[in-house]
Amino acid sequence: MDFFAWAWITILGRLQTVFNADSPYGPVALGGALVFTVIFYVDARRRRGRRVSVAGFLKSIFPSRILWHPSSRLDLRLWIANTVVFASAYAMLAIGGFLWRDATLNVMQWAFGSHAAAVWPVWAILAITTLLELLAYEFGYWLAHYLFHAVPALWEFHKVHHSAEVLTPLTEMRTHPVEIIAFMNVIGFFTGIVFGAMTYAFGPGVRPFTLLNANAVLMLFIVTIGHLRHTHIWIPFTGLAGRLLQSPAHHQIHHSDQPRHFNKNLGFALAVWDWLFGTLYIPEKHEKITFGVGAEHVRFDSVLRTFAAPFAYSAAHLARWAGGLPARLRRGGGAVSQPAPNARASEG
């Protein structure tokens, strides 16, 4: 088999995994989001005493001003370009998780010695593993997201995602490949450690409650409101729910171009790490929000520029940082200063 045939078969295989029943863009996830949207639309219209209709639903949920916006058309091109990267990154997450699990297990056995697996009820082991894996996944996501906002050289890559001027479910994949790979590796590191500790405590084969072959809580989020984070549909969680869970409105706030919203709501499904680390912004009322990165959106008018430009801008940040390093070391007696916040933060 020649290289091109191998490459084509590999790409088709990766694309197929994106649309599998248990994938984030599979029929269950997208169908669940559509069902949830219908329920939301019907409830909202009836509470306002307005008529429910198919035409009204389509006009409200799929407005032409968003569907045909230049930003949405670029989202589609980037989504197609990133599907192979996305599928490969998920494979990398699984492999990395196994590697860090085994490394953690080996370290714990070296430090504490081998021992018989704890005998607990199966439901208790499943529940503990589900919760800890979810918290580890969310912490890895929050930390990677925080770093891509806080470190200017990384922000240049994350700026691709924030350059969207309207939000659609395809905006999820308006992401630079560097960011996709980095997020999956950070998440794999923390979830791997958790599974290593759980394997040490309860023996091989430990796993969470699953739904569509993934953590049940995480997948439940994806098949209901996960895809609504990148839409214009305002669904807020307030009170305790707003401190525990990321609602679609939470993430729309995150994409806002208004300084009071910068660097807020960095979690994926949970808001607990944002709550703990002070990056939580609970949308108490329906705020008027606009999206994007201002005049800088011209950097992201094609797939090629979107993928290539961040490398140049990131390298410029690194060069400036490296150029000032000797002076900072002399001034700080060897200490390196904290990374500066990204441009969005400094603008505020």
C-alpha atoms as a PDB file:
ATOM      1  CA  MET A   1       0.000   0.000   0.000  1.00  0.00           C
ATOM      2  CA  ASP A   2       1.506   3.358  -1.021  1.00  0.00           C
ATOM      3  CA  PHE A   3       1.654   6.377   1.279  1.00  0.00           C
ATOM      4  CA  PHE A   4      -1.296   8.235  -0.247  1.00  0.00           C
ATOM      5  CA  ALA A   5      -3.602   5.237   0.016  1.00  0.00           C
ATOM      6  CA  TRP A   6      -2.541   4.710   3.614  1.00  0.00           C
ATOM      7  CA  ALA A   7      -3.072   8.402   4.398  1.00  0.00           C
ATOM      8  CA  TRP A   8      -6.538   8.403   2.792  1.00  0.00           C
ATOM      9  CA  ILE A   9      -7.624   5.301   4.711  1.00  0.00           C
ATOM     10  CA  THR A  10      -6.268   6.794   7.948  1.00  0.00           C
ATOM     11  CA  ILE A  11      -8.120  10.072   7.395  1.00  0.00           C
ATOM     12  CA  LEU A  12     -11.388   8.295   6.603  1.00  0.00           C
ATOM     13  CA  GLY A  13     -10.995   6.185   9.749  1.00  0.00           C
ATOM     14  CA  ARG A  14     -10.413   9.283  11.862  1.00  0.00           C
ATOM     15  CA  LEU A  15     -13.415  11.035  10.317  1.00  0.00           C
ATOM     16  CA  GLN A  16     -15.610   8.033  11.027  1.00  0.00           C
ATOM     17  CA  THR A  17     -14.741   8.169  14.725  1.00  0.00           C
ATOM     18  CA  VAL A  18     -15.950  11.785  14.854  1.00  0.00           C
ATOM     19  CA  PHE A  19     -19.454  10.672  13.833  1.00  0.00           C
ATOM     20  CA  ASN A  20     -19.671   7.450  15.843  1.00  0.00           C
ATOM     21  CA  ALA A  21     -22.721   7.050  18.059  1.00  0.00           C
ATOM     22  CA  ASP A  22     -20.567   7.588  21.156  1.00  0.00           C
ATOM     23  CA  SER A  23     -18.670  10.640  19.874  1.00  0.00           C
ATOM     24  CA  PRO A  24     -19.349  14.295  20.784  1.00  0.00           C
ATOM     25  CA  TYR A  25     -20.544  14.961  17.216  1.00  0.00           C
ATOM     26  CA  GLY A  26     -22.390  11.661  16.844  1.00  0.00           C
ATOM     27  CA  PRO A  27     -26.147  11.347  16.299  1.00  0.00           C
ATOM     28  CA  VAL A  28     -26.903  10.839  20.009  1.00  0.00           C
ATOM     29  CA  ALA A  29     -25.106  14.007  21.115  1.00  0.00           C
ATOM     30  CA  LEU A  30     -26.485  16.190  18.331  1.00  0.00           C
ATOM     31  CA  GLY A  31     -29.931  14.609  18.578  1.00  0.00           C
ATOM     32  CA  GLY A  32     -29.983  15.149  22.336  1.00  0.00           C
ATOM     33  CA  ALA A  33     -29.041  18.793  21.890  1.00  0.00           C
ATOM     34  CA  LEU A  34     -31.842  19.216  19.354  1.00  0.00           C
ATOM     35  CA  VAL A  35     -34.408  17.601  21.679  1.00  0.00           C
ATOM     36  CA  PHE A  36     -33.279  19.800  24.570  1.00  0.00           C
ATOM     37  CA  THR A  37     -33.538  22.863  22.319  1.00  0.00           C
ATOM     38  CA  VAL A  38     -37.095  21.947  21.276  1.00  0.00           C
ATOM     39  CA  ILE A  39     -38.108  21.556  24.933  1.00  0.00           C
ATOM     40  CA  PHE A  40     -36.494  24.897  25.778  1.00  0.00           C
ATOM     41  CA  TYR A  41     -38.219  26.644  22.847  1.00  0.00           C
ATOM     42  CA  VAL A  42     -41.662  25.235  23.629  1.00  0.00           C
ATOM     43  CA  ASP A  43     -41.376  26.091  27.324  1.00  0.00           C
ATOM     44  CA  ALA A  44     -40.127  29.637  26.644  1.00  0.00           C
ATOM     45  CA  ARG A  45     -42.908  30.347  24.140  1.00  0.00           C
ATOM     46  CA  ARG A  46     -45.659  29.004  26.374  1.00  0.00           C
ATOM     47  CA  ARG A  47     -44.436  30.948  29.415  1.00  0.00           C
ATOM     48  CA  ARG A  48     -44.705  34.106  27.325  1.00  0.00           C
ATOM     49  CA  GLY A  49     -48.104  33.133  25.981  1.00  0.00           C
ATOM     50  CA  ARG A  50     -46.856  32.914  22.416  1.00  0.00           C
ATOM     51  CA  ARG A  51     -47.725  30.455  19.680  1.00  0.00           C
ATOM     52  CA  VAL A  52     -45.495  27.445  19.069  1.00  0.00           C
ATOM     53  CA  SER A  53     -44.734  26.581  15.449  1.00  0.00           C
ATOM     54  CA  VAL A  54     -42.143  24.752  13.404  1.00  0.00           C
ATOM     55  CA  ALA A  55     -41.450  27.894  11.364  1.00  0.00           C
ATOM     56  CA  GLY A  56     -41.015  29.913  14.547  1.00  0.00           C
ATOM     57  CA  PHE A  57     -38.673  27.305  15.970  1.00  0.00           C
ATOM     58  CA  LEU A  58     -36.472  27.269  12.879  1.00  0.00           C
ATOM     59  CA  LYS A  59     -36.370  31.059  12.700  1.00  0.00           C
ATOM     60  CA  SER A  60     -35.563  31.384  16.397  1.00  0.00           C
ATOM     61  CA  ILE A  61     -33.016  28.593  16.746  1.00  0.00           C
ATOM     62  CA  PHE A  62     -31.396  28.755  13.291  1.00  0.00           C
ATOM     63  CA  PRO A  63     -31.446  32.470  12.365  1.00  0.00           C
ATOM     64  CA  SER A  64     -30.043  33.213   8.920  1.00  0.00           C
ATOM     65  CA  ARG A  65     -27.969  36.124  10.254  1.00  0.00           C
ATOM     66  CA  ILE A  66     -25.905  33.559  12.195  1.00  0.00           C
ATOM     67  CA  LEU A  67     -25.994  30.651   9.748  1.00  0.00           C
ATOM     68  CA  TRP A  68     -24.666  32.721   6.831  1.00  0.00           C
ATOM     69  CA  HIS A  69     -22.345  34.969   8.807  1.00  0.00           C
ATOM     70  CA  PRO A  70     -18.713  34.920   7.505  1.00  0.00           C
ATOM     71  CA  SER A  71     -17.630  33.687  10.932  1.00  0.00           C
ATOM     72  CA  SER A  72     -19.950  30.675  10.647  1.00  0.00           C
ATOM     73  CA  ARG A  73     -18.643  29.845   7.180  1.00  0.00           C
ATOM     74  CA  LEU A  74     -15.081  29.884   8.518  1.00  0.00           C
ATOM     75  CA  ASP A  75     -16.235  27.705  11.430  1.00  0.00           C
ATOM     76  CA  LEU A  76     -17.370  25.093   8.917  1.00  0.00           C
ATOM     77  CA  ARG A  77     -14.036  25.105   7.071  1.00  0.00           C
ATOM     78  CA  LEU A  78     -12.079  24.892  10.325  1.00  0.00           C
ATOM     79  CA  TRP A  79     -14.366  22.124  11.588  1.00  0.00           C
ATOM     80  CA  ILE A  80     -13.599  20.069   8.484  1.00  0.00           C
ATOM     81  CA  ALA A  81      -9.877  20.780   8.764  1.00  0.00           C
ATOM     82  CA  ASN A  82      -9.773  19.938  12.466  1.00  0.00           C
ATOM     83  CA  THR A  83     -11.765  16.705  12.474  1.00  0.00           C
ATOM     84  CA  VAL A  84      -8.680  14.565  11.913  1.00  0.00           C
ATOM     85  CA  VAL A  85      -6.750  16.502  14.583  1.00  0.00           C
ATOM     86  CA  PHE A  86      -9.696  16.219  16.950  1.00  0.00           C
ATOM     87  CA  ALA A  87     -10.069  12.459  16.498  1.00  0.00           C
ATOM     88  CA  SER A  88      -6.317  11.946  16.813  1.00  0.00           C
ATOM     89  CA  ALA A  89      -6.216  14.063  19.950  1.00  0.00           C
ATOM     90  CA  TYR A  90      -8.901  11.925  21.579  1.00  0.00           C
ATOM     91  CA  ALA A  91      -6.818   8.852  20.784  1.00  0.00           C
ATOM     92  CA  MET A  92      -3.867  10.683  22.332  1.00  0.00           C
ATOM     93  CA  LEU A  93      -5.966  11.378  25.434  1.00  0.00           C
ATOM     94  CA  ALA A  94      -6.689   7.670  25.858  1.00  0.00           C
ATOM     95  CA  ILE A  95      -3.069   6.635  25.319  1.00  0.00           C
ATOM     96  CA  GLY A  96      -1.738   9.394  27.582  1.00  0.00           C
ATOM     97  CA  GLY A  97      -4.250   8.473  30.266  1.00  0.00           C
ATOM     98  CA  PHE A  98      -3.071   4.850  30.236  1.00  0.00           C
ATOM     99  CA  LEU A  99       0.584   5.880  30.415  1.00  0.00           C
ATOM    100  CA  TRP A 100       0.045   8.213  33.373  1.00  0.00           C
ATOM    101  CA  ARG A 101      -2.178   5.624  35.065  1.00  0.00           C
ATOM    102  CA  ASP A 102       0.578   3.024  34.867  1.00  0.00           C
ATOM    103  CA  ALA A 103       3.214   5.519  35.988  1.00  0.00           C
ATOM    104  CA  THR A 104       1.096   6.553  38.991  1.00  0.00           C
ATOM    105  CA  LEU A 105       0.413   2.930  39.893  1.00  0.00           C
ATOM    106  CA  ASN A 106       4.138   2.106  39.741  1.00  0.00           C
ATOM    107  CA  VAL A 107       5.041   5.096  41.925  1.00  0.00           C
ATOM    108  CA  MET A 108       2.400   4.206  44.524  1.00  0.00           C
ATOM    109  CA  GLN A 109       3.524   0.571  44.613  1.00  0.00           C
ATOM    110  CA  TRP A 110       7.128   1.721  45.055  1.00  0.00           C
ATOM    111  CA  ALA A 111       6.222   4.218  47.776  1.00  0.00           C
ATOM    112  CA  PHE A 112       3.625   2.221  49.719  1.00  0.00           C
ATOM    113  CA  GLY A 113       4.197  -1.352  48.608  1.00  0.00           C
ATOM    114  CA  SER A 114       1.765  -3.797  47.036  1.00  0.00           C
ATOM    115  CA  HIS A 115      -1.481  -4.556  48.802  1.00  0.00           C
ATOM    116  CA  ALA A 116      -4.705  -6.402  48.268  1.00  0.00           C
ATOM    117  CA  ALA A 117      -7.422  -4.429  46.504  1.00  0.00           C
ATOM    118  CA  ALA A 118      -9.991  -2.894  48.826  1.00  0.00           C
ATOM    119  CA  VAL A 119     -13.295  -4.767  48.865  1.00  0.00           C
ATOM    120  CA  TRP A 120     -16.073  -2.211  48.512  1.00  0.00           C
ATOM    121  CA  PRO A 121     -19.526  -2.450  46.939  1.00  0.00           C
ATOM    122  CA  VAL A 122     -19.303  -2.140  43.178  1.00  0.00           C
ATOM    123  CA  TRP A 123     -21.686   0.821  43.101  1.00  0.00           C
ATOM    124  CA  ALA A 124     -19.497   2.706  45.597  1.00  0.00           C
ATOM    125  CA  ILE A 125     -16.347   2.124  43.533  1.00  0.00           C
ATOM    126  CA  LEU A 126     -18.148   3.213  40.362  1.00  0.00           C
ATOM    127  CA  ALA A 127     -19.544   6.331  42.050  1.00  0.00           C
ATOM    128  CA  ILE A 128     -16.181   7.387  43.538  1.00  0.00           C
ATOM    129  CA  THR A 129     -14.343   6.783  40.270  1.00  0.00           C
ATOM    130  CA  THR A 130     -16.998   8.678  38.308  1.00  0.00           C
ATOM    131  CA  LEU A 131     -16.723  11.707  40.567  1.00  0.00           C
ATOM    132  CA  LEU A 132     -12.933  11.739  40.799  1.00  0.00           C
ATOM    133  CA  GLU A 133     -12.452  11.231  37.061  1.00  0.00           C
ATOM    134  CA  LEU A 134     -14.915  14.039  36.352  1.00  0.00           C
ATOM    135  CA  LEU A 135     -13.130  16.391  38.752  1.00  0.00           C
ATOM    136  CA  ALA A 136      -9.737  15.447  37.282  1.00  0.00           C
ATOM    137  CA  TYR A 137     -10.980  15.965  33.714  1.00  0.00           C
ATOM    138  CA  GLU A 138     -12.463  19.319  34.642  1.00  0.00           C
ATOM    139  CA  PHE A 139      -9.357  20.444  36.529  1.00  0.00           C
ATOM    140  CA  GLY A 140      -7.142  19.525  33.576  1.00  0.00           C
ATOM    141  CA  TYR A 141      -9.477  21.427  31.251  1.00  0.00           C
ATOM    142  CA  TRP A 142      -9.636  24.436  33.596  1.00  0.00           C
ATOM    143  CA  LEU A 143      -5.863  24.558  34.068  1.00  0.00           C
ATOM    144  CA  ALA A 144      -5.071  24.255  30.363  1.00  0.00           C
ATOM    145  CA  HIS A 145      -7.727  26.879  29.604  1.00  0.00           C
ATOM    146  CA  TYR A 146      -6.337  29.210  32.270  1.00  0.00           C
ATOM    147  CA  LEU A 147      -2.802  28.896  30.886  1.00  0.00           C
ATOM    148  CA  PHE A 148      -3.993  29.597  27.347  1.00  0.00           C
ATOM    149  CA  HIS A 149      -5.527  32.813  28.666  1.00  0.00           C
ATOM    150  CA  ALA A 150      -2.766  33.827  31.084  1.00  0.00           C
ATOM    151  CA  VAL A 151       0.367  33.168  29.020  1.00  0.00           C
ATOM    152  CA  PRO A 152       0.594  35.571  26.045  1.00  0.00           C
ATOM    153  CA  ALA A 153       2.432  33.072  23.812  1.00  0.00           C
ATOM    154  CA  LEU A 154      -0.375  30.541  24.366  1.00  0.00           C
ATOM    155  CA  TRP A 155      -3.138  33.138  24.097  1.00  0.00           C
ATOM    156  CA  GLU A 156      -2.155  33.690  20.451  1.00  0.00           C
ATOM    157  CA  PHE A 157      -3.291  30.112  19.748  1.00  0.00           C
ATOM    158  CA  HIS A 158      -6.437  30.327  21.895  1.00  0.00           C
ATOM    159  CA  LYS A 159      -7.350  33.614  20.238  1.00  0.00           C
ATOM    160  CA  VAL A 160      -8.419  31.521  17.241  1.00  0.00           C
ATOM    161  CA  HIS A 161     -11.350  30.197  19.255  1.00  0.00           C
ATOM    162  CA  HIS A 162     -12.289  33.616  20.602  1.00  0.00           C
ATOM    163  CA  SER A 163     -12.192  35.191  17.146  1.00  0.00           C
ATOM    164  CA  ALA A 164     -15.674  33.798  16.401  1.00  0.00           C
ATOM    165  CA  GLU A 165     -18.073  36.709  15.978  1.00  0.00           C
ATOM    166  CA  VAL A 166     -21.152  34.484  16.193  1.00  0.00           C
ATOM    167  CA  LEU A 167     -21.467  31.138  17.955  1.00  0.00           C
ATOM    168  CA  THR A 168     -22.684  27.861  16.481  1.00  0.00           C
ATOM    169  CA  PRO A 169     -22.033  24.267  17.593  1.00  0.00           C
ATOM    170  CA  LEU A 170     -19.246  24.143  14.987  1.00  0.00           C
ATOM    171  CA  THR A 171     -17.404  26.880  16.919  1.00  0.00           C
ATOM    172  CA  GLU A 172     -16.299  24.128  19.309  1.00  0.00           C
ATOM    173  CA  MET A 173     -13.832  23.087  16.600  1.00  0.00           C
ATOM    174  CA  ARG A 174     -12.732  26.627  15.770  1.00  0.00           C
ATOM    175  CA  THR A 175      -9.589  25.732  17.651  1.00  0.00           C
ATOM    176  CA  HIS A 176      -5.917  25.705  16.762  1.00  0.00           C
ATOM    177  CA  PRO A 177      -4.398  22.209  16.592  1.00  0.00           C
ATOM    178  CA  VAL A 178      -1.729  23.241  19.108  1.00  0.00           C
ATOM    179  CA  GLU A 179      -4.475  23.963  21.624  1.00  0.00           C
ATOM    180  CA  ILE A 180      -6.352  20.719  20.939  1.00  0.00           C
ATOM    181  CA  ILE A 181      -3.222  18.641  21.493  1.00  0.00           C
ATOM    182  CA  ALA A 182      -2.195  20.597  24.601  1.00  0.00           C
ATOM    183  CA  PHE A 183      -5.631  20.302  26.233  1.00  0.00           C
ATOM    184  CA  MET A 184      -5.802  16.556  25.647  1.00  0.00           C
ATOM    185  CA  ASN A 185      -2.347  16.005  27.111  1.00  0.00           C
ATOM    186  CA  VAL A 186      -3.067  18.045  30.241  1.00  0.00           C
ATOM    187  CA  ILE A 187      -6.418  16.307  30.749  1.00  0.00           C
ATOM    188  CA  GLY A 188      -4.812  12.907  30.145  1.00  0.00           C
ATOM    189  CA  PHE A 189      -2.184  13.679  32.785  1.00  0.00           C
ATOM    190  CA  PHE A 190      -4.701  14.392  35.558  1.00  0.00           C
ATOM    191  CA  THR A 191      -7.224  11.701  34.657  1.00  0.00           C
ATOM    192  CA  GLY A 192      -4.358   9.199  34.364  1.00  0.00           C
ATOM    193  CA  ILE A 193      -3.188  10.018  37.880  1.00  0.00           C
ATOM    194  CA  VAL A 194      -6.709   9.506  39.223  1.00  0.00           C
ATOM    195  CA  PHE A 195      -7.064   6.142  37.493  1.00  0.00           C
ATOM    196  CA  GLY A 196      -3.642   5.102  38.756  1.00  0.00           C
ATOM    197  CA  ALA A 197      -4.679   5.882  42.329  1.00  0.00           C
ATOM    198  CA  MET A 198      -8.033   4.146  41.876  1.00  0.00           C
ATOM    199  CA  THR A 199      -6.298   1.081  40.380  1.00  0.00           C
ATOM    200  CA  TYR A 200      -3.954   0.957  43.362  1.00  0.00           C
ATOM    201  CA  ALA A 201      -6.878   1.197  45.778  1.00  0.00           C
ATOM    202  CA  PHE A 202      -9.434  -1.064  44.089  1.00  0.00           C
ATOM    203  CA  GLY A 203      -7.493  -3.198  41.609  1.00  0.00           C
ATOM    204  CA  PRO A 204      -7.332  -3.409  37.789  1.00  0.00           C
ATOM    205  CA  GLY A 205     -10.413  -2.729  35.722  1.00  0.00           C
ATOM    206  CA  VAL A 206     -11.697   0.135  37.863  1.00  0.00           C
ATOM    207  CA  ARG A 207     -13.937   2.435  35.830  1.00  0.00           C
ATOM    208  CA  PRO A 208     -16.658   5.063  36.189  1.00  0.00           C
ATOM    209  CA  PHE A 209     -20.351   4.791  35.454  1.00  0.00           C
ATOM    210  CA  THR A 210     -20.443   5.133  31.689  1.00  0.00           C
ATOM    211  CA  LEU A 211     -22.800   6.473  29.068  1.00  0.00           C
ATOM    212  CA  LEU A 212     -21.800   5.926  25.427  1.00  0.00           C
ATOM    213  CA  ASN A 213     -18.413   4.604  26.599  1.00  0.00           C
ATOM    214  CA  ALA A 214     -17.520   7.778  28.520  1.00  0.00           C
ATOM    215  CA  ASN A 215     -17.953   9.180  32.010  1.00  0.00           C
ATOM    216  CA  ALA A 216     -21.723   9.200  32.485  1.00  0.00           C
ATOM    217  CA  VAL A 217     -21.917  12.709  33.943  1.00  0.00           C
ATOM    218  CA  LEU A 218     -19.683  14.221  31.274  1.00  0.00           C
ATOM    219  CA  MET A 219     -21.554  12.496  28.463  1.00  0.00           C
ATOM    220  CA  LEU A 220     -24.917  13.482  29.946  1.00  0.00           C
ATOM    221  CA  PHE A 221     -23.759  17.094  29.741  1.00  0.00           C
ATOM    222  CA  ILE A 222     -22.675  16.645  26.114  1.00  0.00           C
ATOM    223  CA  VAL A 223     -25.925  15.008  24.959  1.00  0.00           C
ATOM    224  CA  THR A 224     -28.108  17.713  26.539  1.00  0.00           C
ATOM    225  CA  ILE A 225     -26.653  21.224  26.739  1.00  0.00           C
ATOM    226  CA  GLY A 226     -23.008  20.724  25.746  1.00  0.00           C
ATOM    227  CA  HIS A 227     -23.499  21.835  22.155  1.00  0.00           C
ATOM    228  CA  LEU A 228     -25.640  24.785  23.239  1.00  0.00           C
ATOM    229  CA  ARG A 229     -22.632  26.495  24.834  1.00  0.00           C
ATOM    230  CA  HIS A 230     -21.681  27.753  21.378  1.00  0.00           C
ATOM    231  CA  THR A 231     -25.028  29.160  20.334  1.00  0.00           C
ATOM    232  CA  HIS A 232     -27.082  32.315  20.843  1.00  0.00           C
ATOM    233  CA  ILE A 233     -29.562  30.397  23.031  1.00  0.00           C
ATOM    234  CA  TRP A 234     -29.486  31.978  26.490  1.00  0.00           C
ATOM    235  CA  ILE A 235     -29.945  29.251  29.121  1.00  0.00           C
ATOM    236  CA  PRO A 236     -28.494  30.389  32.472  1.00  0.00           C
ATOM    237  CA  PHE A 237     -27.881  28.486  35.700  1.00  0.00           C
ATOM    238  CA  THR A 238     -27.951  30.628  38.818  1.00  0.00           C
ATOM    239  CA  GLY A 239     -27.626  30.071  42.561  1.00  0.00           C
ATOM    240  CA  LEU A 240     -25.976  26.827  43.616  1.00  0.00           C
ATOM    241  CA  ALA A 241     -26.496  25.299  40.150  1.00  0.00           C
ATOM    242  CA  GLY A 242     -24.525  28.191  38.660  1.00  0.00           C
ATOM    243  CA  ARG A 243     -21.643  27.476  41.034  1.00  0.00           C
ATOM    244  CA  LEU A 244     -21.555  23.789  40.206  1.00  0.00           C
ATOM    245  CA  LEU A 245     -22.400  23.584  36.479  1.00  0.00           C
ATOM    246  CA  GLN A 246     -21.505  25.462  33.315  1.00  0.00           C
ATOM    247  CA  SER A 247     -24.674  26.589  31.590  1.00  0.00           C
ATOM    248  CA  PRO A 248     -24.722  27.724  27.947  1.00  0.00           C
ATOM    249  CA  ALA A 249     -24.949  31.295  29.265  1.00  0.00           C
ATOM    250  CA  HIS A 250     -21.783  30.752  31.336  1.00  0.00           C
ATOM    251  CA  HIS A 251     -19.822  29.977  28.191  1.00  0.00           C
ATOM    252  CA  GLN A 252     -21.387  32.762  26.167  1.00  0.00           C
ATOM    253  CA  ILE A 253     -20.142  35.112  28.903  1.00  0.00           C
ATOM    254  CA  HIS A 254     -16.709  33.543  28.442  1.00  0.00           C
ATOM    255  CA  HIS A 255     -16.754  34.493  24.743  1.00  0.00           C
ATOM    256  CA  SER A 256     -17.888  38.066  25.427  1.00  0.00           C
ATOM    257  CA  ASP A 257     -15.675  40.888  24.168  1.00  0.00           C
ATOM    258  CA  GLN A 258     -16.550  43.037  27.199  1.00  0.00           C
ATOM    259  CA  PRO A 259     -13.693  43.496  29.721  1.00  0.00           C
ATOM    260  CA  ARG A 260     -15.780  42.524  32.774  1.00  0.00           C
ATOM    261  CA  HIS A 261     -16.204  39.075  31.232  1.00  0.00           C
ATOM    262  CA  PHE A 262     -12.559  38.459  30.291  1.00  0.00           C
ATOM    263  CA  ASN A 263     -10.980  35.231  31.571  1.00  0.00           C
ATOM    264  CA  LYS A 264     -14.162  34.031  33.269  1.00  0.00           C
ATOM    265  CA  ASN A 265     -15.900  30.620  33.227  1.00  0.00           C
ATOM    266  CA  LEU A 266     -12.962  28.498  32.105  1.00  0.00           C
ATOM    267  CA  GLY A 267     -14.517  25.104  32.923  1.00  0.00           C
ATOM    268  CA  PHE A 268     -16.147  22.701  30.499  1.00  0.00           C
ATOM    269  CA  ALA A 269     -19.102  21.016  32.231  1.00  0.00           C
ATOM    270  CA  LEU A 270     -18.447  22.020  35.858  1.00  0.00           C
ATOM    271  CA  ALA A 271     -18.098  25.456  37.412  1.00  0.00           C
ATOM    272  CA  VAL A 272     -16.545  24.228  40.676  1.00  0.00           C
ATOM    273  CA  TRP A 273     -12.924  25.007  39.731  1.00  0.00           C
ATOM    274  CA  ASP A 274     -13.933  28.471  38.519  1.00  0.00           C
ATOM    275  CA  TRP A 275     -15.744  28.946  41.826  1.00  0.00           C
ATOM    276  CA  LEU A 276     -12.718  27.770  43.807  1.00  0.00           C
ATOM    277  CA  PHE A 277     -10.136  29.833  41.903  1.00  0.00           C
ATOM    278  CA  GLY A 278     -12.153  33.022  41.498  1.00  0.00           C
ATOM    279  CA  THR A 279     -12.788  32.869  37.739  1.00  0.00           C
ATOM    280  CA  LEU A 280     -16.540  32.285  37.999  1.00  0.00           C
ATOM    281  CA  TYR A 281     -19.045  34.759  36.563  1.00  0.00           C
ATOM    282  CA  ILE A 282     -22.647  33.691  37.106  1.00  0.00           C
ATOM    283  CA  PRO A 283     -25.018  35.200  34.534  1.00  0.00           C
ATOM    284  CA  GLU A 284     -27.772  36.480  36.802  1.00  0.00           C
ATOM    285  CA  LYS A 285     -29.678  38.210  33.996  1.00  0.00           C
ATOM    286  CA  HIS A 286     -29.812  38.166  30.222  1.00  0.00           C
ATOM    287  CA  GLU A 287     -26.875  40.361  29.292  1.00  0.00           C
ATOM    288  CA  LYS A 288     -26.388  41.831  25.850  1.00  0.00           C
ATOM    289  CA  ILE A 289     -23.211  40.204  24.570  1.00  0.00           C
ATOM    290  CA  THR A 290     -21.080  40.620  21.488  1.00  0.00           C
ATOM    291  CA  PHE A 291     -18.306  38.210  20.585  1.00  0.00           C
ATOM    292  CA  GLY A 292     -14.902  38.290  18.955  1.00  0.00           C
ATOM    293  CA  VAL A 293     -11.454  39.868  19.323  1.00  0.00           C
ATOM    294  CA  GLY A 294     -12.183  43.233  17.780  1.00  0.00           C
ATOM    295  CA  ALA A 295     -10.015  44.431  14.909  1.00  0.00           C
ATOM    296  CA  GLU A 296      -7.772  41.385  15.265  1.00  0.00           C
ATOM    297  CA  HIS A 297     -10.406  39.199  13.594  1.00  0.00           C
ATOM    298  CA  VAL A 298      -8.766  39.989  10.240  1.00  0.00           C
ATOM    299  CA  ARG A 299      -5.981  37.566  11.218  1.00  0.00           C
ATOM    300  CA  PHE A 300      -8.496  34.738  11.010  1.00  0.00           C
ATOM    301  CA  ASP A 301     -10.145  35.183   7.613  1.00  0.00           C
ATOM    302  CA  SER A 302      -8.930  31.878   6.145  1.00  0.00           C
ATOM    303  CA  VAL A 303      -7.976  28.414   7.342  1.00  0.00           C
ATOM    304  CA  LEU A 304      -4.333  28.886   6.338  1.00  0.00           C
ATOM    305  CA  ARG A 305      -3.942  32.237   8.135  1.00  0.00           C
ATOM    306  CA  THR A 306      -5.823  30.911  11.148  1.00  0.00           C
ATOM    307  CA  PHE A 307      -3.417  27.989  11.491  1.00  0.00           C
ATOM    308  CA  ALA A 308      -0.194  29.810  10.533  1.00  0.00           C
ATOM    309  CA  ALA A 309      -0.439  33.295  12.063  1.00  0.00           C
ATOM    310  CA  PRO A 310      -0.498  32.232  15.750  1.00  0.00           C
ATOM    311  CA  PHE A 311       2.954  30.650  15.391  1.00  0.00           C
ATOM    312  CA  ALA A 312       4.476  33.981  14.328  1.00  0.00           C
ATOM    313  CA  TYR A 313       2.743  36.022  17.029  1.00  0.00           C
ATOM    314  CA  SER A 314       3.510  33.424  19.698  1.00  0.00           C
ATOM    315  CA  ALA A 315       7.170  33.366  18.657  1.00  0.00           C
ATOM    316  CA  ALA A 316       7.288  37.155  18.979  1.00  0.00           C
ATOM    317  CA  HIS A 317       6.005  36.923  22.564  1.00  0.00           C
ATOM    318  CA  LEU A 318       8.575  34.250  23.389  1.00  0.00           C
ATOM    319  CA  ALA A 319      11.381  36.342  21.850  1.00  0.00           C
ATOM    320  CA  ARG A 320      10.400  39.389  23.918  1.00  0.00           C
ATOM    321  CA  TRP A 321      10.168  37.264  27.050  1.00  0.00           C
ATOM    322  CA  ALA A 322      13.549  35.642  26.418  1.00  0.00           C
ATOM    323  CA  GLY A 323      15.133  39.023  25.637  1.00  0.00           C
ATOM    324  CA  GLY A 324      14.044  40.429  28.983  1.00  0.00           C
ATOM    325  CA  LEU A 325      14.915  37.302  30.975  1.00  0.00           C
ATOM    326  CA  PRO A 326      18.518  38.295  31.928  1.00  0.00           C
ATOM    327  CA  ALA A 327      17.345  41.628  33.345  1.00  0.00           C
ATOM    328  CA  ARG A 328      14.526  39.950  35.276  1.00  0.00           C
ATOM    329  CA  LEU A 329      16.916  37.375  36.697  1.00  0.00           C
ATOM    330  CA  ARG A 330      19.329  40.087  37.848  1.00  0.00           C
ATOM    331  CA  ARG A 331      16.522  42.165  39.309  1.00  0.00           C
ATOM    332  CA  GLY A 332      14.835  39.239  41.036  1.00  0.00           C
ATOM    333  CA  GLY A 333      17.910  37.437  42.225  1.00  0.00           C
ATOM    334  CA  GLY A 334      17.171  34.448  40.047  1.00  0.00           C
ATOM    335  CA  ALA A 335      13.372  34.464  40.357  1.00  0.00           C
ATOM    336  CA  VAL A 336      11.290  34.444  37.207  1.00  0.00           C
ATOM    337  CA  SER A 337       8.235  36.681  37.265  1.00  0.00           C
ATOM    338  CA  GLN A 338       4.685  35.447  36.862  1.00  0.00           C
ATOM    339  CA  PRO A 339       3.496  35.344  33.237  1.00  0.00           C
ATOM    340  CA  ALA A 340       1.662  38.481  32.187  1.00  0.00           C
ATOM    341  CA  PRO A 341      -2.085  38.166  31.554  1.00  0.00           C
ATOM    342  CA  ASN A 342      -3.269  38.029  27.976  1.00  0.00           C
ATOM    343  CA  ALA A 343      -4.326  41.046  25.993  1.00  0.00           C
ATOM    344  CA  ARG A 344      -7.991  40.614  26.907  1.00  0.00           C
ATOM    345  CA  ALA A 345      -7.142  40.841  30.596  1.00  0.00           C
ATOM    346  CA  SER A 346      -4.798  43.781  30.184  1.00  0.00           C
ATOM    347  CA  GLU A 347      -7.424  45.663  28.181  1.00  0.00           C
ATOM    348  CA  GLY A 348      -9.690  45.436  31.232  1.00  0.00           C
END
